[in-house]
Amino acid sequence: MEQKHTLHEVPLFEKLSPTELKLITNIARNKRYKRNQIIFLEGEPFSGFYVILGGTVKVYRLNGDGEEVVLNTLGSFRSFGESALFSGSHFHTSCALAVEDTSVLFVPSEDFTVLMGKNPALAIRISEAFAVRLMELNRRFDLLASTARGRVARYLLNEVQLNNSLKLPEPVFNLVLRKKDLAAHLGIANATLSRIFKNLKHEKTIREVSRKVFITNVKRLLELSKD
């Protein structure tokens, strides 16, 4: 995959010109992680951020009991680990793990900071994109404030939108997360998630075929998303 095109698909870089994208490509390097391999842990020194070229990454934190609290699950063309860059922290504030075999582009923070210092216009555009990421995080908090059924409905709708299939007769997406991880991502119990999926299938709102989830009643799912 040609890196310049890949970087243009990343929300953090979508406003950059081809020349600016090339500057970032020049300081970045490719890395690969095996399934279930830790990319970084909370509290480790921050040395740069990552762009997913292929695969899936889970970003999470550990609570006081040592249990995972999933903050986000990201796929291709999404960046992660950049919050420390903008907050001025010298340490990672979360953990990241490759859910499957994953390839990333690693952007060293020191080189990136120098690059932005030399290119004020580039720095402004990236800062604007990061502000949008903060808005996404706020929406994530809104999701967690809703009912369990509402969270699942919103998640399903968001996934089909990301898959650009909402206009299909049956919007569809690949469920890359295990149900256990999805439950943690949504902040609900495994049994609760299983019951919600069972009810949605029983009332013919969704159907599952292997790892694919089809939305058979978008109107009903929209209603549930308001819970």
Protein backbone atom coordinates (compact mmCIF):
# COMPACT_ATOMS: atom_id res chain seq x y z
CA MET A 1 0.00 0.00 0.00
CA GLU A 2 1.42 3.39 -0.98
CA GLN A 3 2.09 5.36 2.18
CA LYS A 4 1.24 8.82 0.85
CA HIS A 5 -2.25 7.67 -0.08
CA THR A 6 -2.62 5.85 3.23
CA LEU A 7 -1.74 8.94 5.26
CA HIS A 8 -4.32 10.98 3.36
CA GLU A 9 -6.98 8.58 4.66
CA VAL A 10 -6.00 9.24 8.30
CA PRO A 11 -8.35 11.78 9.97
CA LEU A 12 -5.40 13.43 11.72
CA PHE A 13 -3.76 14.13 8.34
CA GLU A 14 -6.74 14.53 6.00
CA LYS A 15 -6.27 18.31 5.64
CA LEU A 16 -2.61 18.07 4.68
CA SER A 17 -1.25 18.61 1.18
CA PRO A 18 0.67 15.88 -0.69
CA THR A 19 3.90 17.76 0.06
CA GLU A 20 3.12 17.87 3.79
CA LEU A 21 2.20 14.19 3.79
CA LYS A 22 5.55 13.43 2.20
CA LEU A 23 7.31 15.27 5.03
CA ILE A 24 5.61 13.00 7.56
CA THR A 25 6.35 9.88 5.51
CA ASN A 26 10.02 10.82 5.50
CA ILE A 27 10.28 10.72 9.31
CA ALA A 28 8.05 7.67 9.86
CA ARG A 29 8.88 3.98 9.78
CA ASN A 30 6.92 0.75 9.42
CA LYS A 31 6.38 -1.66 12.30
CA ARG A 32 4.51 -4.96 12.58
CA TYR A 33 2.85 -6.57 15.60
CA LYS A 34 1.56 -10.10 16.03
CA ARG A 35 -1.93 -10.90 17.31
CA ASN A 36 -2.25 -10.14 21.06
CA GLN A 37 1.14 -8.39 21.11
CA ILE A 38 1.41 -5.35 23.38
CA ILE A 39 2.32 -2.16 21.51
CA PHE A 40 2.78 -0.01 24.60
CA LEU A 41 1.63 0.05 28.21
CA GLU A 42 0.28 2.85 30.37
CA GLY A 43 3.15 4.65 32.09
CA GLU A 44 5.78 3.70 29.52
CA PRO A 45 7.88 6.56 28.09
CA PHE A 46 6.21 8.25 25.15
CA SER A 47 8.36 8.27 22.02
CA GLY A 48 5.83 8.71 19.23
CA PHE A 49 2.42 7.84 17.87
CA TYR A 50 1.06 5.29 15.43
CA VAL A 51 -1.07 5.03 12.29
CA ILE A 52 -2.70 1.67 11.53
CA LEU A 53 -2.01 0.51 7.98
CA GLY A 54 -3.76 -2.84 8.39
CA GLY A 55 -5.25 -4.78 11.28
CA THR A 56 -6.97 -3.80 14.51
CA VAL A 57 -5.71 -2.19 17.72
CA LYS A 58 -7.39 -2.10 21.12
CA VAL A 59 -6.69 0.93 23.32
CA TYR A 60 -7.47 0.33 26.99
CA ARG A 61 -6.64 1.15 30.58
CA LEU A 62 -6.47 -1.04 33.69
CA ASN A 63 -8.70 -0.21 36.65
CA GLY A 64 -7.78 -0.61 40.31
CA ASP A 65 -8.64 -4.32 40.15
CA GLY A 66 -6.38 -4.88 37.15
CA GLU A 67 -9.37 -5.32 34.80
CA GLU A 68 -9.35 -3.92 31.28
CA VAL A 69 -11.49 -0.89 30.47
CA VAL A 70 -11.56 -0.63 26.66
CA LEU A 71 -11.37 2.98 25.49
CA ASN A 72 -11.46 2.35 21.76
CA THR A 73 -10.98 -0.28 19.08
CA LEU A 74 -9.40 1.06 15.92
CA GLY A 75 -8.95 -0.22 12.38
CA SER A 76 -7.03 0.83 9.28
CA PHE A 77 -6.21 4.51 8.72
CA ARG A 78 -6.79 5.44 12.37
CA SER A 79 -4.10 6.93 14.60
CA PHE A 80 -3.50 6.25 18.28
CA GLY A 81 -1.09 7.18 21.04
CA GLU A 82 -0.95 10.82 19.96
CA SER A 83 -2.67 12.34 23.01
CA ALA A 84 0.63 12.53 24.91
CA LEU A 85 2.07 14.57 22.04
CA PHE A 86 -0.58 17.27 22.43
CA SER A 87 -0.86 17.15 26.22
CA GLY A 88 2.89 17.45 26.77
CA SER A 89 3.04 14.21 28.75
CA HIS A 90 6.24 12.18 28.63
CA PHE A 91 4.39 8.91 29.26
CA HIS A 92 1.59 6.93 27.63
CA THR A 93 -1.72 7.38 29.45
CA SER A 94 -3.23 4.13 28.14
CA CYS A 95 -2.28 0.71 26.80
CA ALA A 96 -2.45 -0.54 23.21
CA LEU A 97 -2.63 -4.12 21.96
CA ALA A 98 -2.81 -5.65 18.47
CA VAL A 99 -6.11 -7.56 18.29
CA GLU A 100 -4.88 -9.30 15.14
CA ASP A 101 -1.68 -9.22 13.09
CA THR A 102 -1.25 -5.51 12.54
CA SER A 103 1.02 -3.22 10.57
CA VAL A 104 1.52 0.40 11.63
CA LEU A 105 3.40 3.50 10.69
CA PHE A 106 5.33 4.83 13.70
CA VAL A 107 5.89 8.60 13.81
CA PRO A 108 8.66 9.59 16.29
CA SER A 109 7.50 12.45 18.53
CA GLU A 110 10.83 14.29 18.51
CA ASP A 111 11.03 14.41 14.71
CA PHE A 112 7.35 15.26 14.45
CA THR A 113 7.67 18.17 16.89
CA VAL A 114 10.61 19.59 14.94
CA LEU A 115 8.63 19.20 11.71
CA MET A 116 5.64 21.13 13.09
CA GLY A 117 7.95 23.84 14.43
CA LYS A 118 9.35 24.37 10.94
CA ASN A 119 5.89 24.30 9.32
CA PRO A 120 3.35 26.44 11.26
CA ALA A 121 0.59 25.89 8.70
CA LEU A 122 0.99 22.12 9.02
CA ALA A 123 0.86 22.41 12.81
CA ILE A 124 -2.40 24.39 12.67
CA ARG A 125 -4.12 21.88 10.38
CA ILE A 126 -3.06 18.93 12.52
CA SER A 127 -4.20 20.71 15.69
CA GLU A 128 -7.61 21.30 14.11
CA ALA A 129 -7.87 17.60 13.24
CA PHE A 130 -6.90 16.66 16.79
CA ALA A 131 -9.72 18.88 18.09
CA VAL A 132 -12.10 16.74 16.02
CA ARG A 133 -10.64 13.66 17.74
CA LEU A 134 -11.49 15.21 21.09
CA MET A 135 -15.07 15.66 19.90
CA GLU A 136 -15.14 11.95 19.01
CA LEU A 137 -13.97 11.17 22.53
CA ASN A 138 -16.80 13.27 23.94
CA ARG A 139 -19.25 11.27 21.83
CA ARG A 140 -17.69 8.13 23.31
CA PHE A 141 -18.51 9.43 26.79
CA ASP A 142 -22.08 10.17 25.62
CA LEU A 143 -22.32 6.57 24.46
CA LEU A 144 -21.31 5.28 27.87
CA ALA A 145 -23.96 7.47 29.49
CA SER A 146 -26.81 5.74 27.62
CA THR A 147 -28.57 2.46 28.47
CA ALA A 148 -26.91 -0.84 27.62
CA ARG A 149 -29.34 -1.43 24.75
CA GLY A 150 -28.79 2.11 23.50
CA ARG A 151 -25.01 1.62 23.56
CA VAL A 152 -25.24 -1.53 21.48
CA ALA A 153 -27.58 0.14 18.98
CA ARG A 154 -25.30 3.15 18.62
CA TYR A 155 -22.29 0.91 18.19
CA LEU A 156 -23.97 -1.09 15.43
CA LEU A 157 -25.07 2.05 13.59
CA ASN A 158 -21.62 3.58 13.89
CA GLU A 159 -19.94 0.46 12.52
CA VAL A 160 -22.12 0.31 9.40
CA GLN A 161 -21.45 4.01 8.84
CA LEU A 162 -17.71 3.42 9.08
CA ASN A 163 -18.16 0.54 6.63
CA ASN A 164 -19.99 2.87 4.21
CA SER A 165 -22.86 0.40 3.95
CA LEU A 166 -25.70 2.35 5.58
CA LYS A 167 -27.44 2.87 2.22
CA LEU A 168 -27.44 -0.84 1.34
CA PRO A 169 -30.72 -2.80 1.65
CA GLU A 170 -29.05 -4.55 4.60
CA PRO A 171 -26.21 -2.48 6.06
CA VAL A 172 -23.38 -4.77 7.12
CA PHE A 173 -20.00 -4.74 8.87
CA ASN A 174 -17.42 -7.27 10.06
CA LEU A 175 -17.42 -7.80 13.82
CA VAL A 176 -13.67 -7.93 14.43
CA LEU A 177 -14.00 -7.86 18.21
CA ARG A 178 -14.80 -10.88 20.32
CA LYS A 179 -18.08 -10.45 22.16
CA LYS A 180 -16.13 -10.33 25.42
CA ASP A 181 -14.04 -7.40 24.16
CA LEU A 182 -17.08 -5.67 22.69
CA ALA A 183 -18.85 -5.88 26.04
CA ALA A 184 -15.83 -4.29 27.73
CA HIS A 185 -15.68 -1.63 25.00
CA LEU A 186 -19.31 -0.73 25.66
CA GLY A 187 -18.98 -0.94 29.42
CA ILE A 188 -21.56 -3.69 29.91
CA ALA A 189 -21.51 -7.29 31.18
CA ASN A 190 -20.95 -10.18 28.75
CA ALA A 191 -24.31 -11.71 29.69
CA THR A 192 -26.06 -8.40 29.03
CA LEU A 193 -24.49 -8.07 25.60
CA SER A 194 -25.44 -11.66 24.71
CA ARG A 195 -29.03 -11.04 25.80
CA ILE A 196 -29.27 -7.83 23.77
CA PHE A 197 -27.89 -9.51 20.64
CA LYS A 198 -30.29 -12.43 21.15
CA ASN A 199 -33.27 -10.06 21.47
CA LEU A 200 -32.22 -8.02 18.43
CA LYS A 201 -32.02 -11.19 16.35
CA HIS A 202 -35.32 -12.50 17.73
CA GLU A 203 -37.15 -9.30 16.75
CA LYS A 204 -35.36 -9.38 13.36
CA THR A 205 -33.51 -6.10 13.86
CA ILE A 206 -30.17 -7.74 13.06
CA ARG A 207 -28.85 -11.07 11.80
CA GLU A 208 -25.39 -12.62 12.04
CA VAL A 209 -23.57 -14.72 9.49
CA SER A 210 -20.22 -15.88 10.77
CA ARG A 211 -18.41 -12.62 11.74
CA LYS A 212 -20.70 -10.38 9.70
CA VAL A 213 -23.56 -8.41 11.30
CA PHE A 214 -26.44 -7.36 9.02
CA ILE A 215 -28.89 -4.63 10.04
CA THR A 216 -32.31 -5.80 8.88
CA ASN A 217 -34.32 -3.00 10.52
CA VAL A 218 -32.44 0.31 10.56
CA LYS A 219 -35.49 2.28 11.74
CA ARG A 220 -35.84 0.08 14.83
CA LEU A 221 -32.13 0.36 15.59
CA LEU A 222 -32.33 4.15 15.34
CA GLU A 223 -35.17 4.11 17.87
CA LEU A 224 -33.15 1.96 20.27
CA SER A 225 -30.10 4.18 19.90
CA LYS A 226 -32.01 6.97 21.65
CA ASP A 227 -32.37 4.95 24.87
